[in-house]
Amino acid sequence: MDKSKRMKLTQISPVLDTQNLEAIGKKTGNLYEALYIISCRANQISRELKEELHAKLEDFASHSDSYEEVQENREQIEISRFYERLPHPTIIATKEFMNDELTYRYEEERTE
């Protein structure tokens, strides 16, 4: 994740706000389609954040140490705390959807 996107995520409030369902539904003409789009994007964001976190924490993994030899690593703790403070992927996806930052398309039906 680049720095601009990371800064954008830290500016989103992690507190869940009440949403106007009519406004969400007007974006696509159907509330359920809008919620489906938001949920797909939230899953995508969740996967991206999880992969990024695991990649960063992999640097600290030591596969040969026993449980007693594991020591506290300040940098590892800070990385974990950063990701814990991020808003939930559903909040991020809803903000992106409402700010018209998402592009979505419908699959064409196959007639065979």
PDB file of N, CA and C in Angstrom:
ATOM      1  N   MET A   1       0.854  -1.167   0.000  1.00  0.00           N
ATOM      2  CA  MET A   1       0.000   0.000   0.000  1.00  0.00           C
ATOM      3  C   MET A   1       0.898   1.228   0.000  1.00  0.00           C
ATOM      4  N   ASP A   2       0.599   2.146  -0.876  1.00  0.00           N
ATOM      5  CA  ASP A   2       1.425   3.346  -0.960  1.00  0.00           C
ATOM      6  C   ASP A   2       1.070   4.324   0.165  1.00  0.00           C
ATOM      7  N   LYS A   3       1.936   5.307   0.361  1.00  0.00           N
ATOM      8  CA  LYS A   3       1.772   6.235   1.479  1.00  0.00           C
ATOM      9  C   LYS A   3       0.519   7.081   1.376  1.00  0.00           C
ATOM     10  N   SER A   4       0.129   7.477   0.163  1.00  0.00           N
ATOM     11  CA  SER A   4      -1.066   8.307   0.018  1.00  0.00           C
ATOM     12  C   SER A   4      -2.314   7.534   0.421  1.00  0.00           C
ATOM     13  N   LYS A   5      -2.383   6.268   0.056  1.00  0.00           N
ATOM     14  CA  LYS A   5      -3.543   5.465   0.432  1.00  0.00           C
ATOM     15  C   LYS A   5      -3.547   5.201   1.934  1.00  0.00           C
ATOM     16  N   ARG A   6      -2.357   4.984   2.491  1.00  0.00           N
ATOM     17  CA  ARG A   6      -2.253   4.760   3.931  1.00  0.00           C
ATOM     18  C   ARG A   6      -2.698   5.993   4.703  1.00  0.00           C
ATOM     19  N   MET A   7      -2.299   7.190   4.231  1.00  0.00           N
ATOM     20  CA  MET A   7      -2.726   8.435   4.879  1.00  0.00           C
ATOM     21  C   MET A   7      -4.233   8.599   4.789  1.00  0.00           C
ATOM     22  N   LYS A   8      -4.789   8.252   3.640  1.00  0.00           N
ATOM     23  CA  LYS A   8      -6.233   8.363   3.441  1.00  0.00           C
ATOM     24  C   LYS A   8      -6.973   7.458   4.425  1.00  0.00           C
ATOM     25  N   LEU A   9      -6.458   6.247   4.645  1.00  0.00           N
ATOM     26  CA  LEU A   9      -7.104   5.319   5.567  1.00  0.00           C
ATOM     27  C   LEU A   9      -7.037   5.808   7.001  1.00  0.00           C
ATOM     28  N   THR A  10      -5.948   6.453   7.373  1.00  0.00           N
ATOM     29  CA  THR A  10      -5.836   6.945   8.743  1.00  0.00           C
ATOM     30  C   THR A  10      -6.731   8.149   9.000  1.00  0.00           C
ATOM     31  N   GLN A  11      -7.183   8.814   7.939  1.00  0.00           N
ATOM     32  CA  GLN A  11      -8.058   9.972   8.100  1.00  0.00           C
ATOM     33  C   GLN A  11      -9.529   9.584   8.223  1.00  0.00           C
ATOM     34  N   ILE A  12      -9.867   8.343   7.864  1.00  0.00           N
ATOM     35  CA  ILE A  12     -11.244   7.868   7.996  1.00  0.00           C
ATOM     36  C   ILE A  12     -11.488   7.510   9.454  1.00  0.00           C
ATOM     37  N   SER A  13     -12.592   7.985   9.989  1.00  0.00           N
ATOM     38  CA  SER A  13     -12.925   7.704  11.377  1.00  0.00           C
ATOM     39  C   SER A  13     -13.266   6.224  11.539  1.00  0.00           C
ATOM     40  N   PRO A  14     -12.679   5.546  12.533  1.00  0.00           N
ATOM     41  CA  PRO A  14     -12.988   4.136  12.741  1.00  0.00           C
ATOM     42  C   PRO A  14     -14.341   3.906  13.414  1.00  0.00           C
ATOM     43  N   VAL A  15     -15.017   4.994  13.771  1.00  0.00           N
ATOM     44  CA  VAL A  15     -16.317   4.898  14.422  1.00  0.00           C
ATOM     45  C   VAL A  15     -17.397   4.700  13.359  1.00  0.00           C
ATOM     46  N   LEU A  16     -18.252   3.749  13.595  1.00  0.00           N
ATOM     47  CA  LEU A  16     -19.325   3.448  12.659  1.00  0.00           C
ATOM     48  C   LEU A  16     -20.403   4.522  12.742  1.00  0.00           C
ATOM     49  N   ASP A  17     -20.691   5.161  11.609  1.00  0.00           N
ATOM     50  CA  ASP A  17     -21.726   6.184  11.536  1.00  0.00           C
ATOM     51  C   ASP A  17     -22.985   5.600  10.913  1.00  0.00           C
ATOM     52  N   THR A  18     -24.127   6.149  11.305  1.00  0.00           N
ATOM     53  CA  THR A  18     -25.383   5.742  10.707  1.00  0.00           C
ATOM     54  C   THR A  18     -25.407   6.202   9.257  1.00  0.00           C
ATOM     55  N   GLN A  19     -25.835   5.322   8.361  1.00  0.00           N
ATOM     56  CA  GLN A  19     -25.878   5.631   6.938  1.00  0.00           C
ATOM     57  C   GLN A  19     -27.326   5.774   6.477  1.00  0.00           C
ATOM     58  N   ASN A  20     -27.540   6.615   5.507  1.00  0.00           N
ATOM     59  CA  ASN A  20     -28.846   6.791   4.904  1.00  0.00           C
ATOM     60  C   ASN A  20     -29.010   5.729   3.823  1.00  0.00           C
ATOM     61  N   LEU A  21     -29.885   4.767   4.072  1.00  0.00           N
ATOM     62  CA  LEU A  21     -30.061   3.664   3.135  1.00  0.00           C
ATOM     63  C   LEU A  21     -30.630   4.117   1.794  1.00  0.00           C
ATOM     64  N   GLU A  22     -31.449   5.147   1.818  1.00  0.00           N
ATOM     65  CA  GLU A  22     -31.995   5.663   0.565  1.00  0.00           C
ATOM     66  C   GLU A  22     -30.885   6.230  -0.318  1.00  0.00           C
ATOM     67  N   ALA A  23     -29.954   6.939   0.291  1.00  0.00           N
ATOM     68  CA  ALA A  23     -28.839   7.512  -0.471  1.00  0.00           C
ATOM     69  C   ALA A  23     -27.945   6.414  -1.041  1.00  0.00           C
ATOM     70  N   ILE A  24     -27.741   5.362  -0.262  1.00  0.00           N
ATOM     71  CA  ILE A  24     -26.938   4.238  -0.747  1.00  0.00           C
ATOM     72  C   ILE A  24     -27.646   3.555  -1.910  1.00  0.00           C
ATOM     73  N   GLY A  25     -28.933   3.340  -1.774  1.00  0.00           N
ATOM     74  CA  GLY A  25     -29.704   2.668  -2.816  1.00  0.00           C
ATOM     75  C   GLY A  25     -29.823   3.471  -4.099  1.00  0.00           C
ATOM     76  N   LYS A  26     -29.818   4.792  -3.996  1.00  0.00           N
ATOM     77  CA  LYS A  26     -29.945   5.635  -5.191  1.00  0.00           C
ATOM     78  C   LYS A  26     -28.736   5.537  -6.107  1.00  0.00           C
ATOM     79  N   LYS A  27     -27.591   5.182  -5.557  1.00  0.00           N
ATOM     80  CA  LYS A  27     -26.367   5.094  -6.371  1.00  0.00           C
ATOM     81  C   LYS A  27     -26.496   4.049  -7.474  1.00  0.00           C
ATOM     82  N   THR A  28     -27.172   2.940  -7.176  1.00  0.00           N
ATOM     83  CA  THR A  28     -27.316   1.874  -8.171  1.00  0.00           C
ATOM     84  C   THR A  28     -28.762   1.680  -8.607  1.00  0.00           C
ATOM     85  N   GLY A  29     -29.683   2.250  -7.875  1.00  0.00           N
ATOM     86  CA  GLY A  29     -31.092   2.037  -8.180  1.00  0.00           C
ATOM     87  C   GLY A  29     -31.670   0.885  -7.384  1.00  0.00           C
ATOM     88  N   ASN A  30     -30.820   0.158  -6.681  1.00  0.00           N
ATOM     89  CA  ASN A  30     -31.283  -0.979  -5.899  1.00  0.00           C
ATOM     90  C   ASN A  30     -30.393  -1.087  -4.659  1.00  0.00           C
ATOM     91  N   LEU A  31     -30.994  -1.050  -3.493  1.00  0.00           N
ATOM     92  CA  LEU A  31     -30.242  -1.088  -2.240  1.00  0.00           C
ATOM     93  C   LEU A  31     -29.422  -2.364  -2.122  1.00  0.00           C
ATOM     94  N   TYR A  32     -29.993  -3.494  -2.506  1.00  0.00           N
ATOM     95  CA  TYR A  32     -29.293  -4.767  -2.361  1.00  0.00           C
ATOM     96  C   TYR A  32     -28.074  -4.852  -3.283  1.00  0.00           C
ATOM     97  N   GLU A  33     -28.179  -4.285  -4.467  1.00  0.00           N
ATOM     98  CA  GLU A  33     -27.024  -4.245  -5.366  1.00  0.00           C
ATOM     99  C   GLU A  33     -25.922  -3.379  -4.761  1.00  0.00           C
ATOM    100  N   ALA A  34     -26.307  -2.264  -4.196  1.00  0.00           N
ATOM    101  CA  ALA A  34     -25.328  -1.366  -3.582  1.00  0.00           C
ATOM    102  C   ALA A  34     -24.631  -2.053  -2.407  1.00  0.00           C
ATOM    103  N   LEU A  35     -25.393  -2.739  -1.574  1.00  0.00           N
ATOM    104  CA  LEU A  35     -24.801  -3.442  -0.438  1.00  0.00           C
ATOM    105  C   LEU A  35     -23.902  -4.581  -0.902  1.00  0.00           C
ATOM    106  N   TYR A  36     -24.261  -5.234  -2.003  1.00  0.00           N
ATOM    107  CA  TYR A  36     -23.429  -6.290  -2.560  1.00  0.00           C
ATOM    108  C   TYR A  36     -22.097  -5.719  -3.051  1.00  0.00           C
ATOM    109  N   ILE A  37     -22.161  -4.586  -3.717  1.00  0.00           N
ATOM    110  CA  ILE A  37     -20.942  -3.931  -4.214  1.00  0.00           C
ATOM    111  C   ILE A  37     -20.046  -3.528  -3.039  1.00  0.00           C
ATOM    112  N   ILE A  38     -20.641  -2.952  -2.010  1.00  0.00           N
ATOM    113  CA  ILE A  38     -19.885  -2.548  -0.823  1.00  0.00           C
ATOM    114  C   ILE A  38     -19.264  -3.768  -0.149  1.00  0.00           C
ATOM    115  N   SER A  39     -20.007  -4.846  -0.036  1.00  0.00           N
ATOM    116  CA  SER A  39     -19.473  -6.038   0.633  1.00  0.00           C
ATOM    117  C   SER A  39     -18.346  -6.675  -0.174  1.00  0.00           C
ATOM    118  N   CYS A  40     -18.458  -6.672  -1.496  1.00  0.00           N
ATOM    119  CA  CYS A  40     -17.369  -7.208  -2.326  1.00  0.00           C
ATOM    120  C   CYS A  40     -16.103  -6.375  -2.153  1.00  0.00           C
ATOM    121  N   ARG A  41     -16.248  -5.070  -2.132  1.00  0.00           N
ATOM    122  CA  ARG A  41     -15.089  -4.194  -1.947  1.00  0.00           C
ATOM    123  C   ARG A  41     -14.505  -4.358  -0.542  1.00  0.00           C
ATOM    124  N   ALA A  42     -15.361  -4.512   0.465  1.00  0.00           N
ATOM    125  CA  ALA A  42     -14.873  -4.705   1.830  1.00  0.00           C
ATOM    126  C   ALA A  42     -14.059  -5.993   1.929  1.00  0.00           C
ATOM    127  N   ASN A  43     -14.512  -7.046   1.281  1.00  0.00           N
ATOM    128  CA  ASN A  43     -13.746  -8.296   1.269  1.00  0.00           C
ATOM    129  C   ASN A  43     -12.402  -8.108   0.582  1.00  0.00           C
ATOM    130  N   GLN A  44     -12.393  -7.355  -0.494  1.00  0.00           N
ATOM    131  CA  GLN A  44     -11.154  -7.086  -1.227  1.00  0.00           C
ATOM    132  C   GLN A  44     -10.176  -6.290  -0.346  1.00  0.00           C
ATOM    133  N   ILE A  45     -10.661  -5.273   0.320  1.00  0.00           N
ATOM    134  CA  ILE A  45      -9.822  -4.463   1.207  1.00  0.00           C
ATOM    135  C   ILE A  45      -9.279  -5.323   2.345  1.00  0.00           C
ATOM    136  N   SER A  46     -10.129  -6.158   2.911  1.00  0.00           N
ATOM    137  CA  SER A  46      -9.719  -7.027   4.006  1.00  0.00           C
ATOM    138  C   SER A  46      -8.592  -7.966   3.576  1.00  0.00           C
ATOM    139  N   ARG A  47      -8.720  -8.565   2.399  1.00  0.00           N
ATOM    140  CA  ARG A  47      -7.669  -9.444   1.890  1.00  0.00           C
ATOM    141  C   ARG A  47      -6.368  -8.683   1.677  1.00  0.00           C
ATOM    142  N   GLU A  48      -6.460  -7.479   1.091  1.00  0.00           N
ATOM    143  CA  GLU A  48      -5.263  -6.672   0.836  1.00  0.00           C
ATOM    144  C   GLU A  48      -4.547  -6.313   2.137  1.00  0.00           C
ATOM    145  N   LEU A  49      -5.306  -5.869   3.134  1.00  0.00           N
ATOM    146  CA  LEU A  49      -4.709  -5.494   4.419  1.00  0.00           C
ATOM    147  C   LEU A  49      -4.091  -6.700   5.122  1.00  0.00           C
ATOM    148  N   LYS A  50      -4.780  -7.840   5.045  1.00  0.00           N
ATOM    149  CA  LYS A  50      -4.276  -9.045   5.681  1.00  0.00           C
ATOM    150  C   LYS A  50      -2.977  -9.507   5.025  1.00  0.00           C
ATOM    151  N   GLU A  51      -2.938  -9.501   3.704  1.00  0.00           N
ATOM    152  CA  GLU A  51      -1.721  -9.902   2.991  1.00  0.00           C
ATOM    153  C   GLU A  51      -0.559  -8.956   3.300  1.00  0.00           C
ATOM    154  N   GLU A  52      -0.857  -7.674   3.336  1.00  0.00           N
ATOM    155  CA  GLU A  52       0.179  -6.684   3.628  1.00  0.00           C
ATOM    156  C   GLU A  52       0.713  -6.845   5.045  1.00  0.00           C
ATOM    157  N   LEU A  53      -0.183  -7.050   6.003  1.00  0.00           N
ATOM    158  CA  LEU A  53       0.233  -7.231   7.393  1.00  0.00           C
ATOM    159  C   LEU A  53       1.092  -8.487   7.537  1.00  0.00           C
ATOM    160  N   HIS A  54       0.652  -9.577   6.936  1.00  0.00           N
ATOM    161  CA  HIS A  54       1.422 -10.819   7.033  1.00  0.00           C
ATOM    162  C   HIS A  54       2.789 -10.690   6.376  1.00  0.00           C
ATOM    163  N   ALA A  55       2.851  -9.957   5.269  1.00  0.00           N
ATOM    164  CA  ALA A  55       4.142  -9.752   4.603  1.00  0.00           C
ATOM    165  C   ALA A  55       5.094  -8.958   5.491  1.00  0.00           C
ATOM    166  N   LYS A  56       4.568  -7.942   6.175  1.00  0.00           N
ATOM    167  CA  LYS A  56       5.417  -7.136   7.064  1.00  0.00           C
ATOM    168  C   LYS A  56       5.849  -7.915   8.296  1.00  0.00           C
ATOM    169  N   LEU A  57       4.949  -8.716   8.834  1.00  0.00           N
ATOM    170  CA  LEU A  57       5.275  -9.473  10.036  1.00  0.00           C
ATOM    171  C   LEU A  57       6.143 -10.689   9.725  1.00  0.00           C
ATOM    172  N   GLU A  58       6.156 -11.138   8.484  1.00  0.00           N
ATOM    173  CA  GLU A  58       6.998 -12.270   8.088  1.00  0.00           C
ATOM    174  C   GLU A  58       8.474 -11.952   8.304  1.00  0.00           C
ATOM    175  N   ASP A  59       8.847 -10.687   8.195  1.00  0.00           N
ATOM    176  CA  ASP A  59      10.233 -10.287   8.432  1.00  0.00           C
ATOM    177  C   ASP A  59      10.676 -10.577   9.863  1.00  0.00           C
ATOM    178  N   PHE A  60       9.725 -10.586  10.779  1.00  0.00           N
ATOM    179  CA  PHE A  60      10.045 -10.791  12.188  1.00  0.00           C
ATOM    180  C   PHE A  60       9.944 -12.260  12.597  1.00  0.00           C
ATOM    181  N   ALA A  61       9.410 -13.093  11.708  1.00  0.00           N
ATOM    182  CA  ALA A  61       9.204 -14.498  12.053  1.00  0.00           C
ATOM    183  C   ALA A  61      10.537 -15.219  12.153  1.00  0.00           C
ATOM    184  N   SER A  62      10.655 -15.978  13.196  1.00  0.00           N
ATOM    185  CA  SER A  62      11.839 -16.806  13.389  1.00  0.00           C
ATOM    186  C   SER A  62      11.340 -18.223  13.610  1.00  0.00           C
ATOM    187  N   HIS A  63      11.586 -19.072  12.657  1.00  0.00           N
ATOM    188  CA  HIS A  63      11.025 -20.420  12.708  1.00  0.00           C
ATOM    189  C   HIS A  63      11.858 -21.376  13.560  1.00  0.00           C
ATOM    190  N   SER A  64      13.038 -20.969  13.960  1.00  0.00           N
ATOM    191  CA  SER A  64      13.894 -21.863  14.736  1.00  0.00           C
ATOM    192  C   SER A  64      13.848 -21.595  16.235  1.00  0.00           C
ATOM    193  N   ASP A  65      13.293 -20.479  16.661  1.00  0.00           N
ATOM    194  CA  ASP A  65      13.264 -20.143  18.087  1.00  0.00           C
ATOM    195  C   ASP A  65      12.193 -20.951  18.811  1.00  0.00           C
ATOM    196  N   SER A  66      12.488 -21.281  20.019  1.00  0.00           N
ATOM    197  CA  SER A  66      11.479 -21.924  20.853  1.00  0.00           C
ATOM    198  C   SER A  66      10.622 -20.838  21.500  1.00  0.00           C
ATOM    199  N   TYR A  67       9.580 -21.251  22.168  1.00  0.00           N
ATOM    200  CA  TYR A  67       8.650 -20.302  22.777  1.00  0.00           C
ATOM    201  C   TYR A  67       9.358 -19.422  23.807  1.00  0.00           C
ATOM    202  N   GLU A  68      10.273 -19.972  24.551  1.00  0.00           N
ATOM    203  CA  GLU A  68      10.962 -19.221  25.591  1.00  0.00           C
ATOM    204  C   GLU A  68      11.918 -18.182  25.017  1.00  0.00           C
ATOM    205  N   GLU A  69      12.397 -18.392  23.788  1.00  0.00           N
ATOM    206  CA  GLU A  69      13.383 -17.504  23.196  1.00  0.00           C
ATOM    207  C   GLU A  69      12.775 -16.300  22.477  1.00  0.00           C
ATOM    208  N   VAL A  70      11.480 -16.297  22.321  1.00  0.00           N
ATOM    209  CA  VAL A  70      10.825 -15.201  21.616  1.00  0.00           C
ATOM    210  C   VAL A  70      10.868 -13.950  22.475  1.00  0.00           C
ATOM    211  N   GLN A  71      11.348 -12.870  21.892  1.00  0.00           N
ATOM    212  CA  GLN A  71      11.460 -11.625  22.633  1.00  0.00           C
ATOM    213  C   GLN A  71      10.524 -10.580  22.032  1.00  0.00           C
ATOM    214  N   GLU A  72      10.208  -9.609  22.836  1.00  0.00           N
ATOM    215  CA  GLU A  72       9.344  -8.510  22.397  1.00  0.00           C
ATOM    216  C   GLU A  72      10.093  -7.638  21.394  1.00  0.00           C
ATOM    217  N   ASN A  73       9.444  -7.333  20.295  1.00  0.00           N
ATOM    218  CA  ASN A  73      10.034  -6.487  19.273  1.00  0.00           C
ATOM    219  C   ASN A  73       9.167  -5.239  19.123  1.00  0.00           C
ATOM    220  N   ARG A  74       9.703  -4.082  19.454  1.00  0.00           N
ATOM    221  CA  ARG A  74       8.954  -2.828  19.468  1.00  0.00           C
ATOM    222  C   ARG A  74       8.398  -2.488  18.080  1.00  0.00           C
ATOM    223  N   GLU A  75       9.191  -2.693  17.034  1.00  0.00           N
ATOM    224  CA  GLU A  75       8.745  -2.366  15.677  1.00  0.00           C
ATOM    225  C   GLU A  75       7.574  -3.255  15.257  1.00  0.00           C
ATOM    226  N   GLN A  76       7.621  -4.519  15.611  1.00  0.00           N
ATOM    227  CA  GLN A  76       6.540  -5.442  15.298  1.00  0.00           C
ATOM    228  C   GLN A  76       5.250  -5.025  16.003  1.00  0.00           C
ATOM    229  N   ILE A  77       5.381  -4.588  17.230  1.00  0.00           N
ATOM    230  CA  ILE A  77       4.210  -4.135  17.993  1.00  0.00           C
ATOM    231  C   ILE A  77       3.608  -2.888  17.352  1.00  0.00           C
ATOM    232  N   GLU A  78       4.438  -1.953  16.909  1.00  0.00           N
ATOM    233  CA  GLU A  78       3.944  -0.733  16.276  1.00  0.00           C
ATOM    234  C   GLU A  78       3.216  -1.043  14.959  1.00  0.00           C
ATOM    235  N   ILE A  79       3.744  -1.966  14.191  1.00  0.00           N
ATOM    236  CA  ILE A  79       3.081  -2.363  12.936  1.00  0.00           C
ATOM    237  C   ILE A  79       1.718  -2.958  13.244  1.00  0.00           C
ATOM    238  N   SER A  80       1.649  -3.834  14.224  1.00  0.00           N
ATOM    239  CA  SER A  80       0.376  -4.460  14.603  1.00  0.00           C
ATOM    240  C   SER A  80      -0.626  -3.423  15.096  1.00  0.00           C
ATOM    241  N   ARG A  81      -0.162  -2.484  15.888  1.00  0.00           N
ATOM    242  CA  ARG A  81      -1.057  -1.439  16.404  1.00  0.00           C
ATOM    243  C   ARG A  81      -1.602  -0.557  15.284  1.00  0.00           C
ATOM    244  N   PHE A  82      -0.761  -0.252  14.287  1.00  0.00           N
ATOM    245  CA  PHE A  82      -1.225   0.558  13.163  1.00  0.00           C
ATOM    246  C   PHE A  82      -2.404  -0.119  12.475  1.00  0.00           C
ATOM    247  N   TYR A  83      -2.277  -1.410  12.219  1.00  0.00           N
ATOM    248  CA  TYR A  83      -3.354  -2.120  11.526  1.00  0.00           C
ATOM    249  C   TYR A  83      -4.585  -2.305  12.409  1.00  0.00           C
ATOM    250  N   GLU A  84      -4.390  -2.406  13.708  1.00  0.00           N
ATOM    251  CA  GLU A  84      -5.530  -2.508  14.618  1.00  0.00           C
ATOM    252  C   GLU A  84      -6.327  -1.212  14.674  1.00  0.00           C
ATOM    253  N   ARG A  85      -5.664  -0.074  14.484  1.00  0.00           N
ATOM    254  CA  ARG A  85      -6.331   1.237  14.557  1.00  0.00           C
ATOM    255  C   ARG A  85      -7.061   1.605  13.273  1.00  0.00           C
ATOM    256  N   LEU A  86      -6.786   0.898  12.197  1.00  0.00           N
ATOM    257  CA  LEU A  86      -7.461   1.219  10.930  1.00  0.00           C
ATOM    258  C   LEU A  86      -8.953   0.943  11.055  1.00  0.00           C
ATOM    259  N   PRO A  87      -9.757   1.704  10.324  1.00  0.00           N
ATOM    260  CA  PRO A  87     -11.194   1.434  10.341  1.00  0.00           C
ATOM    261  C   PRO A  87     -11.493   0.080   9.712  1.00  0.00           C
ATOM    262  N   HIS A  88     -12.619  -0.473  10.065  1.00  0.00           N
ATOM    263  CA  HIS A  88     -13.048  -1.768   9.521  1.00  0.00           C
ATOM    264  C   HIS A  88     -13.193  -1.653   8.000  1.00  0.00           C
ATOM    265  N   PRO A  89     -12.855  -2.685   7.253  1.00  0.00           N
ATOM    266  CA  PRO A  89     -12.970  -2.631   5.791  1.00  0.00           C
ATOM    267  C   PRO A  89     -14.360  -2.242   5.283  1.00  0.00           C
ATOM    268  N   THR A  90     -15.400  -2.584   6.024  1.00  0.00           N
ATOM    269  CA  THR A  90     -16.753  -2.204   5.605  1.00  0.00           C
ATOM    270  C   THR A  90     -16.932  -0.689   5.661  1.00  0.00           C
ATOM    271  N   ILE A  91     -16.361  -0.043   6.658  1.00  0.00           N
ATOM    272  CA  ILE A  91     -16.442   1.412   6.765  1.00  0.00           C
ATOM    273  C   ILE A  91     -15.690   2.058   5.607  1.00  0.00           C
ATOM    274  N   ILE A  92     -14.503   1.526   5.298  1.00  0.00           N
ATOM    275  CA  ILE A  92     -13.707   2.060   4.196  1.00  0.00           C
ATOM    276  C   ILE A  92     -14.458   1.894   2.876  1.00  0.00           C
ATOM    277  N   ALA A  93     -15.017   0.706   2.647  1.00  0.00           N
ATOM    278  CA  ALA A  93     -15.735   0.425   1.399  1.00  0.00           C
ATOM    279  C   ALA A  93     -16.976   1.309   1.258  1.00  0.00           C
ATOM    280  N   THR A  94     -17.688   1.535   2.347  1.00  0.00           N
ATOM    281  CA  THR A  94     -18.877   2.393   2.300  1.00  0.00           C
ATOM    282  C   THR A  94     -18.494   3.828   1.961  1.00  0.00           C
ATOM    283  N   LYS A  95     -17.420   4.330   2.573  1.00  0.00           N
ATOM    284  CA  LYS A  95     -16.951   5.692   2.261  1.00  0.00           C
ATOM    285  C   LYS A  95     -16.553   5.801   0.793  1.00  0.00           C
ATOM    286  N   GLU A  96     -15.824   4.805   0.288  1.00  0.00           N
ATOM    287  CA  GLU A  96     -15.420   4.824  -1.117  1.00  0.00           C
ATOM    288  C   GLU A  96     -16.639   4.808  -2.033  1.00  0.00           C
ATOM    289  N   PHE A  97     -17.632   3.999  -1.694  1.00  0.00           N
ATOM    290  CA  PHE A  97     -18.834   3.900  -2.518  1.00  0.00           C
ATOM    291  C   PHE A  97     -19.610   5.215  -2.525  1.00  0.00           C
ATOM    292  N   MET A  98     -19.771   5.803  -1.357  1.00  0.00           N
ATOM    293  CA  MET A  98     -20.553   7.033  -1.261  1.00  0.00           C
ATOM    294  C   MET A  98     -19.821   8.226  -1.877  1.00  0.00           C
ATOM    295  N   ASN A  99     -18.495   8.184  -1.930  1.00  0.00           N
ATOM    296  CA  ASN A  99     -17.716   9.266  -2.535  1.00  0.00           C
ATOM    297  C   ASN A  99     -17.420   9.010  -4.016  1.00  0.00           C
ATOM    298  N   ASP A 100     -18.097   8.042  -4.600  1.00  0.00           N
ATOM    299  CA  ASP A 100     -17.932   7.675  -6.011  1.00  0.00           C
ATOM    300  C   ASP A 100     -16.485   7.351  -6.368  1.00  0.00           C
ATOM    301  N   GLU A 101     -15.785   6.685  -5.473  1.00  0.00           N
ATOM    302  CA  GLU A 101     -14.407   6.286  -5.713  1.00  0.00           C
ATOM    303  C   GLU A 101     -14.314   4.842  -6.204  1.00  0.00           C
ATOM    304  N   LEU A 102     -15.443   4.151  -6.259  1.00  0.00           N
ATOM    305  CA  LEU A 102     -15.463   2.770  -6.726  1.00  0.00           C
ATOM    306  C   LEU A 102     -15.990   2.705  -8.148  1.00  0.00           C
ATOM    307  N   THR A 103     -15.409   1.813  -8.907  1.00  0.00           N
ATOM    308  CA  THR A 103     -15.976   1.504 -10.214  1.00  0.00           C
ATOM    309  C   THR A 103     -16.435   0.056 -10.165  1.00  0.00           C
ATOM    310  N   TYR A 104     -17.580  -0.199 -10.702  1.00  0.00           N
ATOM    311  CA  TYR A 104     -18.118  -1.554 -10.714  1.00  0.00           C
ATOM    312  C   TYR A 104     -18.798  -1.776 -12.047  1.00  0.00           C
ATOM    313  N   ARG A 105     -18.873  -3.029 -12.395  1.00  0.00           N
ATOM    314  CA  ARG A 105     -19.525  -3.374 -13.651  1.00  0.00           C
ATOM    315  C   ARG A 105     -20.273  -4.677 -13.439  1.00  0.00           C
ATOM    316  N   TYR A 106     -21.267  -4.890 -14.274  1.00  0.00           N
ATOM    317  CA  TYR A 106     -22.054  -6.089 -14.201  1.00  0.00           C
ATOM    318  C   TYR A 106     -21.554  -7.094 -15.225  1.00  0.00           C
ATOM    319  N   GLU A 107     -21.522  -8.349 -14.822  1.00  0.00           N
ATOM    320  CA  GLU A 107     -21.134  -9.381 -15.770  1.00  0.00           C
ATOM    321  C   GLU A 107     -22.263  -9.576 -16.767  1.00  0.00           C
ATOM    322  N   GLU A 108     -21.866  -9.794 -17.996  1.00  0.00           N
ATOM    323  CA  GLU A 108     -22.874 -10.041 -19.014  1.00  0.00           C
ATOM    324  C   GLU A 108     -23.343 -11.480 -18.868  1.00  0.00           C
ATOM    325  N   GLU A 109     -24.644 -11.668 -19.037  1.00  0.00           N
ATOM    326  CA  GLU A 109     -25.186 -13.013 -18.939  1.00  0.00           C
ATOM    327  C   GLU A 109     -24.786 -13.821 -20.150  1.00  0.00           C
ATOM    328  N   ARG A 110     -24.396 -15.042 -19.886  1.00  0.00           N
ATOM    329  CA  ARG A 110     -24.007 -15.930 -20.971  1.00  0.00           C
ATOM    330  C   ARG A 110     -25.206 -16.728 -21.426  1.00  0.00           C
ATOM    331  N   THR A 111     -25.435 -16.738 -22.691  1.00  0.00           N
ATOM    332  CA  THR A 111     -26.508 -17.539 -23.259  1.00  0.00           C
ATOM    333  C   THR A 111     -25.888 -18.599 -24.152  1.00  0.00           C
ATOM    334  N   GLU A 112     -25.853 -19.805 -23.631  1.00  0.00           N
ATOM    335  CA  GLU A 112     -25.228 -20.894 -24.392  1.00  0.00           C
ATOM    336  C   GLU A 112     -26.235 -21.949 -24.690  1.00  0.00           C
TER     337      GLU A 112
END
